[in-house]
Amino acid sequence: MPVISHTVPFLLDSSDGHAITQWRTDARDNMPEHRSGADGTHLQVGHDVSAGEVFAMIVTRVSGPTKPVQQ
């Protein structure tokens, strides 16, 4: 059962990997414009990622039942 503030493993699928890599590529490609603007924009920077990689994710919101559902 997910609990707010807990760290859980997150397995990237192909669409996650593609989207994250694209955000990071765009940030690298446009870094001079971002630096000159200094407008507080948050950039996705880092290494490219791929489907199948596991990352730590912090639970920030839980929707649905907060107690285990009995079957």
PDB file of N, CA and C in Angstrom:
ATOM      1  N   MET A   1       0.844  -1.165   0.000  1.00  0.00           N
ATOM      2  CA  MET A   1       0.000   0.000   0.000  1.00  0.00           C
ATOM      3  C   MET A   1       0.901   1.244   0.000  1.00  0.00           C
ATOM      4  N   PRO A   2       0.708   2.160  -0.954  1.00  0.00           N
ATOM      5  CA  PRO A   2       1.549   3.356  -0.995  1.00  0.00           C
ATOM      6  C   PRO A   2       1.247   4.299   0.171  1.00  0.00           C
ATOM      7  N   VAL A   3       2.289   4.901   0.693  1.00  0.00           N
ATOM      8  CA  VAL A   3       2.167   5.844   1.802  1.00  0.00           C
ATOM      9  C   VAL A   3       2.929   7.111   1.423  1.00  0.00           C
ATOM     10  N   ILE A   4       2.308   8.267   1.639  1.00  0.00           N
ATOM     11  CA  ILE A   4       2.951   9.543   1.316  1.00  0.00           C
ATOM     12  C   ILE A   4       4.298   9.626   2.022  1.00  0.00           C
ATOM     13  N   SER A   5       5.302  10.066   1.307  1.00  0.00           N
ATOM     14  CA  SER A   5       6.693  10.282   1.718  1.00  0.00           C
ATOM     15  C   SER A   5       7.554   9.029   1.641  1.00  0.00           C
ATOM     16  N   HIS A   6       6.970   7.874   1.346  1.00  0.00           N
ATOM     17  CA  HIS A   6       7.776   6.665   1.207  1.00  0.00           C
ATOM     18  C   HIS A   6       8.484   6.665  -0.148  1.00  0.00           C
ATOM     19  N   THR A   7       9.647   6.062  -0.181  1.00  0.00           N
ATOM     20  CA  THR A   7      10.394   5.887  -1.423  1.00  0.00           C
ATOM     21  C   THR A   7      10.109   4.481  -1.942  1.00  0.00           C
ATOM     22  N   VAL A   8       9.722   4.411  -3.221  1.00  0.00           N
ATOM     23  CA  VAL A   8       9.377   3.133  -3.832  1.00  0.00           C
ATOM     24  C   VAL A   8      10.125   2.989  -5.157  1.00  0.00           C
ATOM     25  N   PRO A   9      10.374   1.761  -5.612  1.00  0.00           N
ATOM     26  CA  PRO A   9      11.021   1.577  -6.912  1.00  0.00           C
ATOM     27  C   PRO A   9      10.049   1.890  -8.047  1.00  0.00           C
ATOM     28  N   PHE A  10      10.562   2.543  -9.085  1.00  0.00           N
ATOM     29  CA  PHE A  10       9.751   2.873 -10.259  1.00  0.00           C
ATOM     30  C   PHE A  10      10.461   2.340 -11.490  1.00  0.00           C
ATOM     31  N   LEU A  11       9.811   1.428 -12.214  1.00  0.00           N
ATOM     32  CA  LEU A  11      10.378   0.803 -13.408  1.00  0.00           C
ATOM     33  C   LEU A  11       9.958   1.600 -14.631  1.00  0.00           C
ATOM     34  N   LEU A  12      10.930   2.126 -15.365  1.00  0.00           N
ATOM     35  CA  LEU A  12      10.616   2.891 -16.564  1.00  0.00           C
ATOM     36  C   LEU A  12      10.156   1.982 -17.685  1.00  0.00           C
ATOM     37  N   ASP A  13       9.084   2.383 -18.376  1.00  0.00           N
ATOM     38  CA  ASP A  13       8.703   1.685 -19.597  1.00  0.00           C
ATOM     39  C   ASP A  13       9.260   2.484 -20.775  1.00  0.00           C
ATOM     40  N   SER A  14       9.014   2.048 -22.000  1.00  0.00           N
ATOM     41  CA  SER A  14       9.627   2.708 -23.157  1.00  0.00           C
ATOM     42  C   SER A  14       9.151   4.149 -23.324  1.00  0.00           C
ATOM     43  N   SER A  15       7.880   4.432 -23.017  1.00  0.00           N
ATOM     44  CA  SER A  15       7.410   5.816 -23.172  1.00  0.00           C
ATOM     45  C   SER A  15       8.010   6.723 -22.103  1.00  0.00           C
ATOM     46  N   ASP A  16       8.203   6.218 -20.865  1.00  0.00           N
ATOM     47  CA  ASP A  16       8.865   7.001 -19.815  1.00  0.00           C
ATOM     48  C   ASP A  16      10.296   7.329 -20.235  1.00  0.00           C
ATOM     49  N   GLY A  17      11.018   6.305 -20.660  1.00  0.00           N
ATOM     50  CA  GLY A  17      12.414   6.492 -21.056  1.00  0.00           C
ATOM     51  C   GLY A  17      12.550   7.488 -22.190  1.00  0.00           C
ATOM     52  N   HIS A  18      11.689   7.378 -23.178  1.00  0.00           N
ATOM     53  CA  HIS A  18      11.739   8.291 -24.321  1.00  0.00           C
ATOM     54  C   HIS A  18      11.436   9.724 -23.882  1.00  0.00           C
ATOM     55  N   ALA A  19      10.391   9.922 -23.096  1.00  0.00           N
ATOM     56  CA  ALA A  19       9.991  11.269 -22.668  1.00  0.00           C
ATOM     57  C   ALA A  19      11.077  11.927 -21.820  1.00  0.00           C
ATOM     58  N   ILE A  20      11.630  11.200 -20.858  1.00  0.00           N
ATOM     59  CA  ILE A  20      12.672  11.767 -19.997  1.00  0.00           C
ATOM     60  C   ILE A  20      13.905  12.117 -20.811  1.00  0.00           C
ATOM     61  N   THR A  21      14.319  11.224 -21.697  1.00  0.00           N
ATOM     62  CA  THR A  21      15.491  11.494 -22.529  1.00  0.00           C
ATOM     63  C   THR A  21      15.244  12.700 -23.431  1.00  0.00           C
ATOM     64  N   GLN A  22      14.041  12.834 -23.976  1.00  0.00           N
ATOM     65  CA  GLN A  22      13.733  13.976 -24.835  1.00  0.00           C
ATOM     66  C   GLN A  22      13.779  15.290 -24.054  1.00  0.00           C
ATOM     67  N   TRP A  23      13.198  15.310 -22.834  1.00  0.00           N
ATOM     68  CA  TRP A  23      13.254  16.519 -22.003  1.00  0.00           C
ATOM     69  C   TRP A  23      14.698  16.917 -21.730  1.00  0.00           C
ATOM     70  N   ARG A  24      15.524  15.929 -21.400  1.00  0.00           N
ATOM     71  CA  ARG A  24      16.924  16.216 -21.065  1.00  0.00           C
ATOM     72  C   ARG A  24      17.703  16.668 -22.297  1.00  0.00           C
ATOM     73  N   THR A  25      17.430  16.064 -23.445  1.00  0.00           N
ATOM     74  CA  THR A  25      18.084  16.479 -24.689  1.00  0.00           C
ATOM     75  C   THR A  25      17.704  17.909 -25.038  1.00  0.00           C
ATOM     76  N   ASP A  26      16.416  18.238 -24.933  1.00  0.00           N
ATOM     77  CA  ASP A  26      15.958  19.604 -25.205  1.00  0.00           C
ATOM     78  C   ASP A  26      16.626  20.607 -24.268  1.00  0.00           C
ATOM     79  N   ALA A  27      16.758  20.251 -22.997  1.00  0.00           N
ATOM     80  CA  ALA A  27      17.399  21.148 -22.024  1.00  0.00           C
ATOM     81  C   ALA A  27      18.856  21.385 -22.397  1.00  0.00           C
ATOM     82  N   ARG A  28      19.578  20.305 -22.741  1.00  0.00           N
ATOM     83  CA  ARG A  28      20.989  20.454 -23.132  1.00  0.00           C
ATOM     84  C   ARG A  28      21.120  21.299 -24.395  1.00  0.00           C
ATOM     85  N   ASP A  29      20.253  21.035 -25.378  1.00  0.00           N
ATOM     86  CA  ASP A  29      20.330  21.744 -26.655  1.00  0.00           C
ATOM     87  C   ASP A  29      20.017  23.234 -26.530  1.00  0.00           C
ATOM     88  N   ASN A  30      19.228  23.590 -25.527  1.00  0.00           N
ATOM     89  CA  ASN A  30      18.798  24.983 -25.367  1.00  0.00           C
ATOM     90  C   ASN A  30      19.370  25.650 -24.115  1.00  0.00           C
ATOM     91  N   MET A  31      20.436  25.091 -23.553  1.00  0.00           N
ATOM     92  CA  MET A  31      20.986  25.609 -22.303  1.00  0.00           C
ATOM     93  C   MET A  31      21.386  27.086 -22.386  1.00  0.00           C
ATOM     94  N   PRO A  32      22.017  27.560 -23.471  1.00  0.00           N
ATOM     95  CA  PRO A  32      22.377  28.993 -23.514  1.00  0.00           C
ATOM     96  C   PRO A  32      21.156  29.908 -23.372  1.00  0.00           C
ATOM     97  N   GLU A  33      20.060  29.554 -24.015  1.00  0.00           N
ATOM     98  CA  GLU A  33      18.852  30.379 -23.903  1.00  0.00           C
ATOM     99  C   GLU A  33      18.286  30.346 -22.489  1.00  0.00           C
ATOM    100  N   HIS A  34      18.313  29.157 -21.861  1.00  0.00           N
ATOM    101  CA  HIS A  34      17.802  29.049 -20.493  1.00  0.00           C
ATOM    102  C   HIS A  34      18.653  29.886 -19.538  1.00  0.00           C
ATOM    103  N   ARG A  35      19.968  29.838 -19.698  1.00  0.00           N
ATOM    104  CA  ARG A  35      20.853  30.594 -18.803  1.00  0.00           C
ATOM    105  C   ARG A  35      20.690  32.094 -18.998  1.00  0.00           C
ATOM    106  N   SER A  36      20.541  32.530 -20.228  1.00  0.00           N
ATOM    107  CA  SER A  36      20.419  33.971 -20.478  1.00  0.00           C
ATOM    108  C   SER A  36      19.073  34.508 -19.997  1.00  0.00           C
ATOM    109  N   GLY A  37      18.041  33.665 -20.001  1.00  0.00           N
ATOM    110  CA  GLY A  37      16.715  34.095 -19.556  1.00  0.00           C
ATOM    111  C   GLY A  37      16.610  34.184 -18.042  1.00  0.00           C
ATOM    112  N   ALA A  38      17.265  33.279 -17.338  1.00  0.00           N
ATOM    113  CA  ALA A  38      17.257  33.242 -15.867  1.00  0.00           C
ATOM    114  C   ALA A  38      15.869  33.515 -15.304  1.00  0.00           C
ATOM    115  N   ASP A  39      14.867  32.795 -15.819  1.00  0.00           N
ATOM    116  CA  ASP A  39      13.485  33.051 -15.408  1.00  0.00           C
ATOM    117  C   ASP A  39      12.953  32.036 -14.399  1.00  0.00           C
ATOM    118  N   GLY A  40      13.829  31.198 -13.866  1.00  0.00           N
ATOM    119  CA  GLY A  40      13.395  30.221 -12.872  1.00  0.00           C
ATOM    120  C   GLY A  40      12.874  28.931 -13.457  1.00  0.00           C
ATOM    121  N   THR A  41      13.017  28.748 -14.768  1.00  0.00           N
ATOM    122  CA  THR A  41      12.563  27.522 -15.408  1.00  0.00           C
ATOM    123  C   THR A  41      13.293  26.322 -14.816  1.00  0.00           C
ATOM    124  N   HIS A  42      12.544  25.267 -14.518  1.00  0.00           N
ATOM    125  CA  HIS A  42      13.122  24.022 -14.005  1.00  0.00           C
ATOM    126  C   HIS A  42      13.454  23.129 -15.191  1.00  0.00           C
ATOM    127  N   LEU A  43      14.698  22.705 -15.285  1.00  0.00           N
ATOM    128  CA  LEU A  43      15.129  21.888 -16.416  1.00  0.00           C
ATOM    129  C   LEU A  43      15.323  20.433 -15.998  1.00  0.00           C
ATOM    130  N   GLN A  44      15.014  19.536 -16.917  1.00  0.00           N
ATOM    131  CA  GLN A  44      15.290  18.117 -16.737  1.00  0.00           C
ATOM    132  C   GLN A  44      16.674  17.859 -17.304  1.00  0.00           C
ATOM    133  N   VAL A  45      17.663  17.695 -16.448  1.00  0.00           N
ATOM    134  CA  VAL A  45      19.019  17.437 -16.914  1.00  0.00           C
ATOM    135  C   VAL A  45      19.510  16.121 -16.328  1.00  0.00           C
ATOM    136  N   GLY A  46      20.492  15.528 -16.976  1.00  0.00           N
ATOM    137  CA  GLY A  46      21.059  14.268 -16.504  1.00  0.00           C
ATOM    138  C   GLY A  46      21.322  13.340 -17.673  1.00  0.00           C
ATOM    139  N   HIS A  47      21.675  12.124 -17.339  1.00  0.00           N
ATOM    140  CA  HIS A  47      21.984  11.115 -18.349  1.00  0.00           C
ATOM    141  C   HIS A  47      20.700  10.650 -19.045  1.00  0.00           C
ATOM    142  N   ASP A  48      20.871  10.173 -20.273  1.00  0.00           N
ATOM    143  CA  ASP A  48      19.742   9.556 -20.971  1.00  0.00           C
ATOM    144  C   ASP A  48      19.351   8.287 -20.213  1.00  0.00           C
ATOM    145  N   VAL A  49      18.088   7.925 -20.305  1.00  0.00           N
ATOM    146  CA  VAL A  49      17.583   6.741 -19.610  1.00  0.00           C
ATOM    147  C   VAL A  49      16.881   5.825 -20.606  1.00  0.00           C
ATOM    148  N   SER A  50      16.646   4.605 -20.187  1.00  0.00           N
ATOM    149  CA  SER A  50      16.041   3.602 -21.070  1.00  0.00           C
ATOM    150  C   SER A  50      14.986   2.799 -20.335  1.00  0.00           C
ATOM    151  N   ALA A  51      14.117   2.180 -21.116  1.00  0.00           N
ATOM    152  CA  ALA A  51      13.116   1.271 -20.559  1.00  0.00           C
ATOM    153  C   ALA A  51      13.824   0.175 -19.774  1.00  0.00           C
ATOM    154  N   GLY A  52      13.233  -0.208 -18.660  1.00  0.00           N
ATOM    155  CA  GLY A  52      13.789  -1.278 -17.842  1.00  0.00           C
ATOM    156  C   GLY A  52      14.639  -0.791 -16.689  1.00  0.00           C
ATOM    157  N   GLU A  53      15.044   0.496 -16.708  1.00  0.00           N
ATOM    158  CA  GLU A  53      15.816   1.034 -15.594  1.00  0.00           C
ATOM    159  C   GLU A  53      14.872   1.297 -14.421  1.00  0.00           C
ATOM    160  N   VAL A  54      15.387   1.124 -13.217  1.00  0.00           N
ATOM    161  CA  VAL A  54      14.595   1.329 -12.010  1.00  0.00           C
ATOM    162  C   VAL A  54      15.147   2.543 -11.268  1.00  0.00           C
ATOM    163  N   PHE A  55      14.243   3.435 -10.869  1.00  0.00           N
ATOM    164  CA  PHE A  55      14.615   4.647 -10.151  1.00  0.00           C
ATOM    165  C   PHE A  55      13.820   4.737  -8.865  1.00  0.00           C
ATOM    166  N   ALA A  56      14.346   5.480  -7.901  1.00  0.00           N
ATOM    167  CA  ALA A  56      13.612   5.732  -6.664  1.00  0.00           C
ATOM    168  C   ALA A  56      12.563   6.807  -6.939  1.00  0.00           C
ATOM    169  N   MET A  57      11.351   6.575  -6.461  1.00  0.00           N
ATOM    170  CA  MET A  57      10.272   7.546  -6.602  1.00  0.00           C
ATOM    171  C   MET A  57       9.714   7.806  -5.212  1.00  0.00           C
ATOM    172  N   ILE A  58       9.482   9.073  -4.882  1.00  0.00           N
ATOM    173  CA  ILE A  58       8.885   9.428  -3.606  1.00  0.00           C
ATOM    174  C   ILE A  58       7.382   9.603  -3.816  1.00  0.00           C
ATOM    175  N   VAL A  59       6.592   8.913  -3.023  1.00  0.00           N
ATOM    176  CA  VAL A  59       5.136   9.011  -3.116  1.00  0.00           C
ATOM    177  C   VAL A  59       4.717  10.364  -2.554  1.00  0.00           C
ATOM    178  N   THR A  60       4.044  11.169  -3.384  1.00  0.00           N
ATOM    179  CA  THR A  60       3.598  12.498  -2.960  1.00  0.00           C
ATOM    180  C   THR A  60       2.088  12.617  -2.880  1.00  0.00           C
ATOM    181  N   ARG A  61       1.386  11.652  -3.430  1.00  0.00           N
ATOM    182  CA  ARG A  61      -0.076  11.676  -3.389  1.00  0.00           C
ATOM    183  C   ARG A  61      -0.591  10.253  -3.547  1.00  0.00           C
ATOM    184  N   VAL A  62      -1.632   9.941  -2.817  1.00  0.00           N
ATOM    185  CA  VAL A  62      -2.257   8.629  -2.905  1.00  0.00           C
ATOM    186  C   VAL A  62      -3.724   8.856  -3.224  1.00  0.00           C
ATOM    187  N   SER A  63      -4.198   8.205  -4.261  1.00  0.00           N
ATOM    188  CA  SER A  63      -5.621   8.309  -4.588  1.00  0.00           C
ATOM    189  C   SER A  63      -6.244   6.930  -4.471  1.00  0.00           C
ATOM    190  N   GLY A  64      -7.541   6.918  -4.294  1.00  0.00           N
ATOM    191  CA  GLY A  64      -8.221   5.646  -4.138  1.00  0.00           C
ATOM    192  C   GLY A  64      -8.233   5.207  -2.689  1.00  0.00           C
ATOM    193  N   PRO A  65      -8.544   3.950  -2.453  1.00  0.00           N
ATOM    194  CA  PRO A  65      -8.621   3.460  -1.079  1.00  0.00           C
ATOM    195  C   PRO A  65      -7.280   3.605  -0.370  1.00  0.00           C
ATOM    196  N   THR A  66      -7.319   3.986   0.893  1.00  0.00           N
ATOM    197  CA  THR A  66      -6.089   4.126   1.668  1.00  0.00           C
ATOM    198  C   THR A  66      -5.818   2.909   2.520  1.00  0.00           C
ATOM    199  N   LYS A  67      -6.745   1.973   2.529  1.00  0.00           N
ATOM    200  CA  LYS A  67      -6.575   0.720   3.258  1.00  0.00           C
ATOM    201  C   LYS A  67      -6.583  -0.420   2.248  1.00  0.00           C
ATOM    202  N   PRO A  68      -5.874  -1.517   2.546  1.00  0.00           N
ATOM    203  CA  PRO A  68      -5.877  -2.633   1.606  1.00  0.00           C
ATOM    204  C   PRO A  68      -7.297  -3.109   1.322  1.00  0.00           C
ATOM    205  N   VAL A  69      -7.556  -3.445   0.074  1.00  0.00           N
ATOM    206  CA  VAL A  69      -8.851  -3.959  -0.316  1.00  0.00           C
ATOM    207  C   VAL A  69      -8.863  -5.455  -0.081  1.00  0.00           C
ATOM    208  N   GLN A  70      -9.854  -5.933   0.660  1.00  0.00           N
ATOM    209  CA  GLN A  70      -9.938  -7.361   0.926  1.00  0.00           C
ATOM    210  C   GLN A  70     -10.673  -8.039  -0.223  1.00  0.00           C
ATOM    211  N   GLN A  71     -10.130  -9.131  -0.692  1.00  0.00           N
ATOM    212  CA  GLN A  71     -10.733  -9.838  -1.825  1.00  0.00           C
ATOM    213  C   GLN A  71     -11.510 -11.038  -1.364  1.00  0.00           C
TER     214      GLN A  71
END
